[in-house]
Amino acid sequence: MWSVYLLRCADQSIYCGITTDLDRRIDEHNGLRAGGARYTRARRPVELVYTETCPDRAAASRREAELKKLSADAKRTLLKSDRLV
């Protein structure tokens, strides 16, 4: 299973990504393991604030693209939903 996730960065910005292992990926974003996105390296620490599962990588990538197109207000509304971590 793939997960689409949103992180709240230290500067209060929102980062969106996909992974098969959320714990590992969050550790990477926070610098506890090698890897992570260039965007989050400058905005640590990050906090997982939203996640949803997808059956495969293609579906996760499509959903990630949808989330990235949302306005800031729409993302805030989404964060108030029942998929909060």
PDB file of N, CA and C in Angstrom:
ATOM      1  N   MET A   1       0.844  -1.198   0.000  1.00  0.00           N
ATOM      2  CA  MET A   1       0.000   0.000   0.000  1.00  0.00           C
ATOM      3  C   MET A   1       0.881   1.251   0.000  1.00  0.00           C
ATOM      4  N   TRP A   2       0.422   2.234  -0.700  1.00  0.00           N
ATOM      5  CA  TRP A   2       1.098   3.517  -0.767  1.00  0.00           C
ATOM      6  C   TRP A   2       0.334   4.528   0.077  1.00  0.00           C
ATOM      7  N   SER A   3       1.038   5.476   0.623  1.00  0.00           N
ATOM      8  CA  SER A   3       0.432   6.546   1.402  1.00  0.00           C
ATOM      9  C   SER A   3       0.745   7.891   0.770  1.00  0.00           C
ATOM     10  N   VAL A   4      -0.248   8.750   0.772  1.00  0.00           N
ATOM     11  CA  VAL A   4      -0.072  10.157   0.429  1.00  0.00           C
ATOM     12  C   VAL A   4      -0.106  10.890   1.752  1.00  0.00           C
ATOM     13  N   TYR A   5       0.820  11.810   1.962  1.00  0.00           N
ATOM     14  CA  TYR A   5       0.886  12.463   3.257  1.00  0.00           C
ATOM     15  C   TYR A   5       1.139  13.954   3.120  1.00  0.00           C
ATOM     16  N   LEU A   6       0.731  14.690   4.151  1.00  0.00           N
ATOM     17  CA  LEU A   6       1.015  16.110   4.267  1.00  0.00           C
ATOM     18  C   LEU A   6       1.803  16.323   5.546  1.00  0.00           C
ATOM     19  N   LEU A   7       2.835  17.138   5.436  1.00  0.00           N
ATOM     20  CA  LEU A   7       3.655  17.505   6.577  1.00  0.00           C
ATOM     21  C   LEU A   7       3.498  18.992   6.845  1.00  0.00           C
ATOM     22  N   ARG A   8       3.490  19.368   8.112  1.00  0.00           N
ATOM     23  CA  ARG A   8       3.564  20.780   8.476  1.00  0.00           C
ATOM     24  C   ARG A   8       5.013  21.045   8.840  1.00  0.00           C
ATOM     25  N   CYS A   9       5.612  21.974   8.138  1.00  0.00           N
ATOM     26  CA  CYS A   9       7.011  22.310   8.363  1.00  0.00           C
ATOM     27  C   CYS A   9       7.126  23.356   9.479  1.00  0.00           C
ATOM     28  N   ALA A  10       8.338  23.578   9.949  1.00  0.00           N
ATOM     29  CA  ALA A  10       8.578  24.528  11.037  1.00  0.00           C
ATOM     30  C   ALA A  10       8.120  25.942  10.680  1.00  0.00           C
ATOM     31  N   ASP A  11       8.152  26.297   9.385  1.00  0.00           N
ATOM     32  CA  ASP A  11       7.699  27.626   8.958  1.00  0.00           C
ATOM     33  C   ASP A  11       6.196  27.661   8.669  1.00  0.00           C
ATOM     34  N   GLN A  12       5.482  26.594   9.048  1.00  0.00           N
ATOM     35  CA  GLN A  12       4.028  26.445   8.898  1.00  0.00           C
ATOM     36  C   GLN A  12       3.604  26.174   7.452  1.00  0.00           C
ATOM     37  N   SER A  13       4.533  25.960   6.548  1.00  0.00           N
ATOM     38  CA  SER A  13       4.175  25.571   5.191  1.00  0.00           C
ATOM     39  C   SER A  13       3.784  24.095   5.185  1.00  0.00           C
ATOM     40  N   ILE A  14       3.119  23.677   4.114  1.00  0.00           N
ATOM     41  CA  ILE A  14       2.658  22.298   3.982  1.00  0.00           C
ATOM     42  C   ILE A  14       3.423  21.628   2.841  1.00  0.00           C
ATOM     43  N   TYR A  15       3.924  20.428   3.106  1.00  0.00           N
ATOM     44  CA  TYR A  15       4.639  19.633   2.108  1.00  0.00           C
ATOM     45  C   TYR A  15       3.825  18.377   1.841  1.00  0.00           C
ATOM     46  N   CYS A  16       3.721  17.971   0.582  1.00  0.00           N
ATOM     47  CA  CYS A  16       2.971  16.788   0.188  1.00  0.00           C
ATOM     48  C   CYS A  16       3.907  15.780  -0.445  1.00  0.00           C
ATOM     49  N   GLY A  17       3.732  14.495  -0.102  1.00  0.00           N
ATOM     50  CA  GLY A  17       4.555  13.451  -0.694  1.00  0.00           C
ATOM     51  C   GLY A  17       3.854  12.109  -0.666  1.00  0.00           C
ATOM     52  N   ILE A  18       4.527  11.094  -1.244  1.00  0.00           N
ATOM     53  CA  ILE A  18       4.017   9.724  -1.236  1.00  0.00           C
ATOM     54  C   ILE A  18       5.121   8.789  -0.764  1.00  0.00           C
ATOM     55  N   THR A  19       4.727   7.645  -0.189  1.00  0.00           N
ATOM     56  CA  THR A  19       5.692   6.677   0.305  1.00  0.00           C
ATOM     57  C   THR A  19       5.004   5.346   0.572  1.00  0.00           C
ATOM     58  N   THR A  20       5.819   4.313   0.751  1.00  0.00           N
ATOM     59  CA  THR A  20       5.298   3.018   1.200  1.00  0.00           C
ATOM     60  C   THR A  20       5.598   2.800   2.680  1.00  0.00           C
ATOM     61  N   ASP A  21       6.412   3.674   3.291  1.00  0.00           N
ATOM     62  CA  ASP A  21       6.812   3.539   4.696  1.00  0.00           C
ATOM     63  C   ASP A  21       6.837   4.930   5.335  1.00  0.00           C
ATOM     64  N   LEU A  22       5.741   5.302   5.978  1.00  0.00           N
ATOM     65  CA  LEU A  22       5.619   6.646   6.556  1.00  0.00           C
ATOM     66  C   LEU A  22       6.662   6.933   7.624  1.00  0.00           C
ATOM     67  N   ASP A  23       6.890   6.000   8.533  1.00  0.00           N
ATOM     68  CA  ASP A  23       7.849   6.247   9.614  1.00  0.00           C
ATOM     69  C   ASP A  23       9.240   6.538   9.059  1.00  0.00           C
ATOM     70  N   ARG A  24       9.666   5.720   8.105  1.00  0.00           N
ATOM     71  CA  ARG A  24      10.984   5.922   7.499  1.00  0.00           C
ATOM     72  C   ARG A  24      11.055   7.274   6.803  1.00  0.00           C
ATOM     73  N   ARG A  25      10.003   7.593   6.063  1.00  0.00           N
ATOM     74  CA  ARG A  25      10.015   8.833   5.284  1.00  0.00           C
ATOM     75  C   ARG A  25      10.013  10.068   6.182  1.00  0.00           C
ATOM     76  N   ILE A  26       9.274  10.034   7.264  1.00  0.00           N
ATOM     77  CA  ILE A  26       9.266  11.164   8.201  1.00  0.00           C
ATOM     78  C   ILE A  26      10.658  11.327   8.818  1.00  0.00           C
ATOM     79  N   ASP A  27      11.286  10.211   9.189  1.00  0.00           N
ATOM     80  CA  ASP A  27      12.657  10.266   9.711  1.00  0.00           C
ATOM     81  C   ASP A  27      13.600  10.888   8.691  1.00  0.00           C
ATOM     82  N   GLU A  28      13.428  10.550   7.431  1.00  0.00           N
ATOM     83  CA  GLU A  28      14.266  11.137   6.383  1.00  0.00           C
ATOM     84  C   GLU A  28      14.037  12.648   6.282  1.00  0.00           C
ATOM     85  N   HIS A  29      12.791  13.054   6.293  1.00  0.00           N
ATOM     86  CA  HIS A  29      12.480  14.484   6.213  1.00  0.00           C
ATOM     87  C   HIS A  29      13.030  15.250   7.411  1.00  0.00           C
ATOM     88  N   ASN A  30      13.067  14.617   8.571  1.00  0.00           N
ATOM     89  CA  ASN A  30      13.569  15.280   9.772  1.00  0.00           C
ATOM     90  C   ASN A  30      15.077  15.127   9.957  1.00  0.00           C
ATOM     91  N   GLY A  31      15.747  14.474   9.025  1.00  0.00           N
ATOM     92  CA  GLY A  31      17.193  14.355   9.093  1.00  0.00           C
ATOM     93  C   GLY A  31      17.710  13.247   9.983  1.00  0.00           C
ATOM     94  N   LEU A  32      16.840  12.352  10.417  1.00  0.00           N
ATOM     95  CA  LEU A  32      17.255  11.238  11.266  1.00  0.00           C
ATOM     96  C   LEU A  32      17.818  10.093  10.445  1.00  0.00           C
ATOM     97  N   ARG A  33      17.554  10.093   9.151  1.00  0.00           N
ATOM     98  CA  ARG A  33      18.077   9.127   8.184  1.00  0.00           C
ATOM     99  C   ARG A  33      18.485   9.890   6.937  1.00  0.00           C
ATOM    100  N   ALA A  34      19.309   9.272   6.131  1.00  0.00           N
ATOM    101  CA  ALA A  34      19.695   9.886   4.863  1.00  0.00           C
ATOM    102  C   ALA A  34      18.470   9.978   3.957  1.00  0.00           C
ATOM    103  N   GLY A  35      18.402  11.010   3.170  1.00  0.00           N
ATOM    104  CA  GLY A  35      17.282  11.192   2.254  1.00  0.00           C
ATOM    105  C   GLY A  35      16.452  12.384   2.656  1.00  0.00           C
ATOM    106  N   GLY A  36      15.236  12.408   2.258  1.00  0.00           N
ATOM    107  CA  GLY A  36      14.366  13.538   2.533  1.00  0.00           C
ATOM    108  C   GLY A  36      14.409  14.522   1.388  1.00  0.00           C
ATOM    109  N   ALA A  37      13.461  15.396   1.343  1.00  0.00           N
ATOM    110  CA  ALA A  37      13.346  16.366   0.260  1.00  0.00           C
ATOM    111  C   ALA A  37      14.144  17.623   0.563  1.00  0.00           C
ATOM    112  N   ARG A  38      14.662  18.228  -0.473  1.00  0.00           N
ATOM    113  CA  ARG A  38      15.399  19.480  -0.316  1.00  0.00           C
ATOM    114  C   ARG A  38      14.508  20.533   0.349  1.00  0.00           C
ATOM    115  N   TYR A  39      13.226  20.543  -0.019  1.00  0.00           N
ATOM    116  CA  TYR A  39      12.290  21.516   0.550  1.00  0.00           C
ATOM    117  C   TYR A  39      12.232  21.408   2.067  1.00  0.00           C
ATOM    118  N   THR A  40      12.136  20.186   2.587  1.00  0.00           N
ATOM    119  CA  THR A  40      11.976  20.031   4.037  1.00  0.00           C
ATOM    120  C   THR A  40      13.288  20.178   4.793  1.00  0.00           C
ATOM    121  N   ARG A  41      14.427  19.982   4.131  1.00  0.00           N
ATOM    122  CA  ARG A  41      15.718  20.122   4.820  1.00  0.00           C
ATOM    123  C   ARG A  41      15.885  21.499   5.429  1.00  0.00           C
ATOM    124  N   ALA A  42      15.375  22.509   4.761  1.00  0.00           N
ATOM    125  CA  ALA A  42      15.502  23.881   5.249  1.00  0.00           C
ATOM    126  C   ALA A  42      14.358  24.287   6.162  1.00  0.00           C
ATOM    127  N   ARG A  43      13.422  23.378   6.424  1.00  0.00           N
ATOM    128  CA  ARG A  43      12.220  23.725   7.189  1.00  0.00           C
ATOM    129  C   ARG A  43      11.941  22.732   8.308  1.00  0.00           C
ATOM    130  N   ARG A  44      12.962  22.171   8.870  1.00  0.00           N
ATOM    131  CA  ARG A  44      12.814  21.187   9.953  1.00  0.00           C
ATOM    132  C   ARG A  44      12.559  21.884  11.270  1.00  0.00           C
ATOM    133  N   PRO A  45      11.913  21.193  12.188  1.00  0.00           N
ATOM    134  CA  PRO A  45      11.363  19.845  12.069  1.00  0.00           C
ATOM    135  C   PRO A  45      10.021  19.866  11.340  1.00  0.00           C
ATOM    136  N   VAL A  46       9.663  18.704  10.820  1.00  0.00           N
ATOM    137  CA  VAL A  46       8.370  18.552  10.161  1.00  0.00           C
ATOM    138  C   VAL A  46       7.499  17.626  10.990  1.00  0.00           C
ATOM    139  N   GLU A  47       6.198  17.797  10.841  1.00  0.00           N
ATOM    140  CA  GLU A  47       5.228  16.995  11.594  1.00  0.00           C
ATOM    141  C   GLU A  47       4.197  16.421  10.622  1.00  0.00           C
ATOM    142  N   LEU A  48       3.935  15.147  10.729  1.00  0.00           N
ATOM    143  CA  LEU A  48       2.912  14.509   9.910  1.00  0.00           C
ATOM    144  C   LEU A  48       1.542  14.982  10.390  1.00  0.00           C
ATOM    145  N   VAL A  49       0.742  15.561   9.464  1.00  0.00           N
ATOM    146  CA  VAL A  49      -0.566  16.088   9.849  1.00  0.00           C
ATOM    147  C   VAL A  49      -1.724  15.459   9.095  1.00  0.00           C
ATOM    148  N   TYR A  50      -1.431  14.704   8.022  1.00  0.00           N
ATOM    149  CA  TYR A  50      -2.513  14.109   7.235  1.00  0.00           C
ATOM    150  C   TYR A  50      -1.958  12.940   6.440  1.00  0.00           C
ATOM    151  N   THR A  51      -2.766  11.892   6.310  1.00  0.00           N
ATOM    152  CA  THR A  51      -2.373  10.763   5.478  1.00  0.00           C
ATOM    153  C   THR A  51      -3.609  10.061   4.928  1.00  0.00           C
ATOM    154  N   GLU A  52      -3.454   9.491   3.761  1.00  0.00           N
ATOM    155  CA  GLU A  52      -4.475   8.620   3.199  1.00  0.00           C
ATOM    156  C   GLU A  52      -3.769   7.535   2.402  1.00  0.00           C
ATOM    157  N   THR A  53      -4.398   6.374   2.294  1.00  0.00           N
ATOM    158  CA  THR A  53      -3.769   5.256   1.598  1.00  0.00           C
ATOM    159  C   THR A  53      -4.318   5.123   0.185  1.00  0.00           C
ATOM    160  N   CYS A  54      -3.471   4.568  -0.675  1.00  0.00           N
ATOM    161  CA  CYS A  54      -3.821   4.316  -2.072  1.00  0.00           C
ATOM    162  C   CYS A  54      -3.361   2.906  -2.418  1.00  0.00           C
ATOM    163  N   PRO A  55      -4.033   2.247  -3.339  1.00  0.00           N
ATOM    164  CA  PRO A  55      -3.706   0.856  -3.641  1.00  0.00           C
ATOM    165  C   PRO A  55      -2.388   0.651  -4.384  1.00  0.00           C
ATOM    166  N   ASP A  56      -1.934   1.680  -5.126  1.00  0.00           N
ATOM    167  CA  ASP A  56      -0.700   1.523  -5.891  1.00  0.00           C
ATOM    168  C   ASP A  56      -0.030   2.886  -6.113  1.00  0.00           C
ATOM    169  N   ARG A  57       1.179   2.850  -6.665  1.00  0.00           N
ATOM    170  CA  ARG A  57       1.939   4.086  -6.854  1.00  0.00           C
ATOM    171  C   ARG A  57       1.235   5.055  -7.798  1.00  0.00           C
ATOM    172  N   ALA A  58       0.632   4.541  -8.850  1.00  0.00           N
ATOM    173  CA  ALA A  58      -0.048   5.412  -9.806  1.00  0.00           C
ATOM    174  C   ALA A  58      -1.172   6.198  -9.131  1.00  0.00           C
ATOM    175  N   ALA A  59      -1.958   5.518  -8.337  1.00  0.00           N
ATOM    176  CA  ALA A  59      -3.059   6.186  -7.632  1.00  0.00           C
ATOM    177  C   ALA A  59      -2.521   7.205  -6.633  1.00  0.00           C
ATOM    178  N   ALA A  60      -1.448   6.852  -5.938  1.00  0.00           N
ATOM    179  CA  ALA A  60      -0.844   7.770  -4.976  1.00  0.00           C
ATOM    180  C   ALA A  60      -0.294   9.007  -5.684  1.00  0.00           C
ATOM    181  N   SER A  61       0.330   8.814  -6.820  1.00  0.00           N
ATOM    182  CA  SER A  61       0.875   9.947  -7.579  1.00  0.00           C
ATOM    183  C   SER A  61      -0.240  10.860  -8.086  1.00  0.00           C
ATOM    184  N   ARG A  62      -1.338  10.278  -8.542  1.00  0.00           N
ATOM    185  CA  ARG A  62      -2.473  11.086  -8.993  1.00  0.00           C
ATOM    186  C   ARG A  62      -3.045  11.903  -7.837  1.00  0.00           C
ATOM    187  N   ARG A  63      -3.205  11.255  -6.683  1.00  0.00           N
ATOM    188  CA  ARG A  63      -3.756  11.964  -5.519  1.00  0.00           C
ATOM    189  C   ARG A  63      -2.805  13.056  -5.044  1.00  0.00           C
ATOM    190  N   GLU A  64      -1.510  12.769  -5.062  1.00  0.00           N
ATOM    191  CA  GLU A  64      -0.518  13.782  -4.683  1.00  0.00           C
ATOM    192  C   GLU A  64      -0.653  15.006  -5.592  1.00  0.00           C
ATOM    193  N   ALA A  65      -0.785  14.792  -6.885  1.00  0.00           N
ATOM    194  CA  ALA A  65      -0.941  15.896  -7.832  1.00  0.00           C
ATOM    195  C   ALA A  65      -2.207  16.689  -7.531  1.00  0.00           C
ATOM    196  N   GLU A  66      -3.293  16.001  -7.192  1.00  0.00           N
ATOM    197  CA  GLU A  66      -4.545  16.684  -6.839  1.00  0.00           C
ATOM    198  C   GLU A  66      -4.351  17.561  -5.605  1.00  0.00           C
ATOM    199  N   LEU A  67      -3.699  17.016  -4.587  1.00  0.00           N
ATOM    200  CA  LEU A  67      -3.493  17.770  -3.346  1.00  0.00           C
ATOM    201  C   LEU A  67      -2.599  18.980  -3.570  1.00  0.00           C
ATOM    202  N   LYS A  68      -1.594  18.831  -4.401  1.00  0.00           N
ATOM    203  CA  LYS A  68      -0.684  19.947  -4.659  1.00  0.00           C
ATOM    204  C   LYS A  68      -1.378  21.091  -5.395  1.00  0.00           C
ATOM    205  N   LYS A  69      -2.448  20.807  -6.117  1.00  0.00           N
ATOM    206  CA  LYS A  69      -3.186  21.837  -6.841  1.00  0.00           C
ATOM    207  C   LYS A  69      -4.175  22.600  -5.968  1.00  0.00           C
ATOM    208  N   LEU A  70      -4.453  22.085  -4.773  1.00  0.00           N
ATOM    209  CA  LEU A  70      -5.420  22.735  -3.887  1.00  0.00           C
ATOM    210  C   LEU A  70      -4.913  24.088  -3.413  1.00  0.00           C
ATOM    211  N   SER A  71      -5.840  24.994  -3.190  1.00  0.00           N
ATOM    212  CA  SER A  71      -5.482  26.289  -2.610  1.00  0.00           C
ATOM    213  C   SER A  71      -5.113  26.097  -1.138  1.00  0.00           C
ATOM    214  N   ALA A  72      -4.506  27.097  -0.561  1.00  0.00           N
ATOM    215  CA  ALA A  72      -4.135  27.037   0.852  1.00  0.00           C
ATOM    216  C   ALA A  72      -5.376  26.832   1.727  1.00  0.00           C
ATOM    217  N   ASP A  73      -6.476  27.519   1.396  1.00  0.00           N
ATOM    218  CA  ASP A  73      -7.715  27.364   2.171  1.00  0.00           C
ATOM    219  C   ASP A  73      -8.258  25.941   2.048  1.00  0.00           C
ATOM    220  N   ALA A  74      -8.213  25.378   0.857  1.00  0.00           N
ATOM    221  CA  ALA A  74      -8.696  24.009   0.665  1.00  0.00           C
ATOM    222  C   ALA A  74      -7.842  23.013   1.435  1.00  0.00           C
ATOM    223  N   LYS A  75      -6.549  23.251   1.496  1.00  0.00           N
ATOM    224  CA  LYS A  75      -5.671  22.367   2.272  1.00  0.00           C
ATOM    225  C   LYS A  75      -5.985  22.470   3.754  1.00  0.00           C
ATOM    226  N   ARG A  76      -6.259  23.682   4.239  1.00  0.00           N
ATOM    227  CA  ARG A  76      -6.628  23.841   5.655  1.00  0.00           C
ATOM    228  C   ARG A  76      -7.926  23.093   5.964  1.00  0.00           C
ATOM    229  N   THR A  77      -8.888  23.153   5.054  1.00  0.00           N
ATOM    230  CA  THR A  77     -10.146  22.423   5.224  1.00  0.00           C
ATOM    231  C   THR A  77      -9.875  20.916   5.259  1.00  0.00           C
ATOM    232  N   LEU A  78      -9.037  20.454   4.363  1.00  0.00           N
ATOM    233  CA  LEU A  78      -8.676  19.036   4.323  1.00  0.00           C
ATOM    234  C   LEU A  78      -8.037  18.601   5.645  1.00  0.00           C
ATOM    235  N   LEU A  79      -7.202  19.445   6.219  1.00  0.00           N
ATOM    236  CA  LEU A  79      -6.530  19.104   7.473  1.00  0.00           C
ATOM    237  C   LEU A  79      -7.510  18.993   8.650  1.00  0.00           C
ATOM    238  N   LYS A  80      -8.703  19.515   8.478  1.00  0.00           N
ATOM    239  CA  LYS A  80      -9.716  19.395   9.517  1.00  0.00           C
ATOM    240  C   LYS A  80     -10.548  18.129   9.365  1.00  0.00           C
ATOM    241  N   SER A  81     -10.225  17.312   8.354  1.00  0.00           N
ATOM    242  CA  SER A  81     -11.006  16.106   8.084  1.00  0.00           C
ATOM    243  C   SER A  81     -10.632  14.971   9.042  1.00  0.00           C
ATOM    244  N   ASP A  82     -11.215  13.818   8.797  1.00  0.00           N
ATOM    245  CA  ASP A  82     -11.022  12.677   9.684  1.00  0.00           C
ATOM    246  C   ASP A  82      -9.756  11.868   9.390  1.00  0.00           C
ATOM    247  N   ARG A  83      -8.936  12.281   8.468  1.00  0.00           N
ATOM    248  CA  ARG A  83      -7.723  11.540   8.140  1.00  0.00           C
ATOM    249  C   ARG A  83      -6.485  12.129   8.830  1.00  0.00           C
ATOM    250  N   LEU A  84      -6.713  13.004   9.784  1.00  0.00           N
ATOM    251  CA  LEU A  84      -5.591  13.564  10.524  1.00  0.00           C
ATOM    252  C   LEU A  84      -4.869  12.469  11.300  1.00  0.00           C
ATOM    253  N   VAL A  85      -3.612  12.694  11.474  1.00  0.00           N
ATOM    254  CA  VAL A  85      -2.787  11.713  12.200  1.00  0.00           C
ATOM    255  C   VAL A  85      -2.876  11.988  13.670  1.00  0.00           C
TER     256      VAL A  85
END
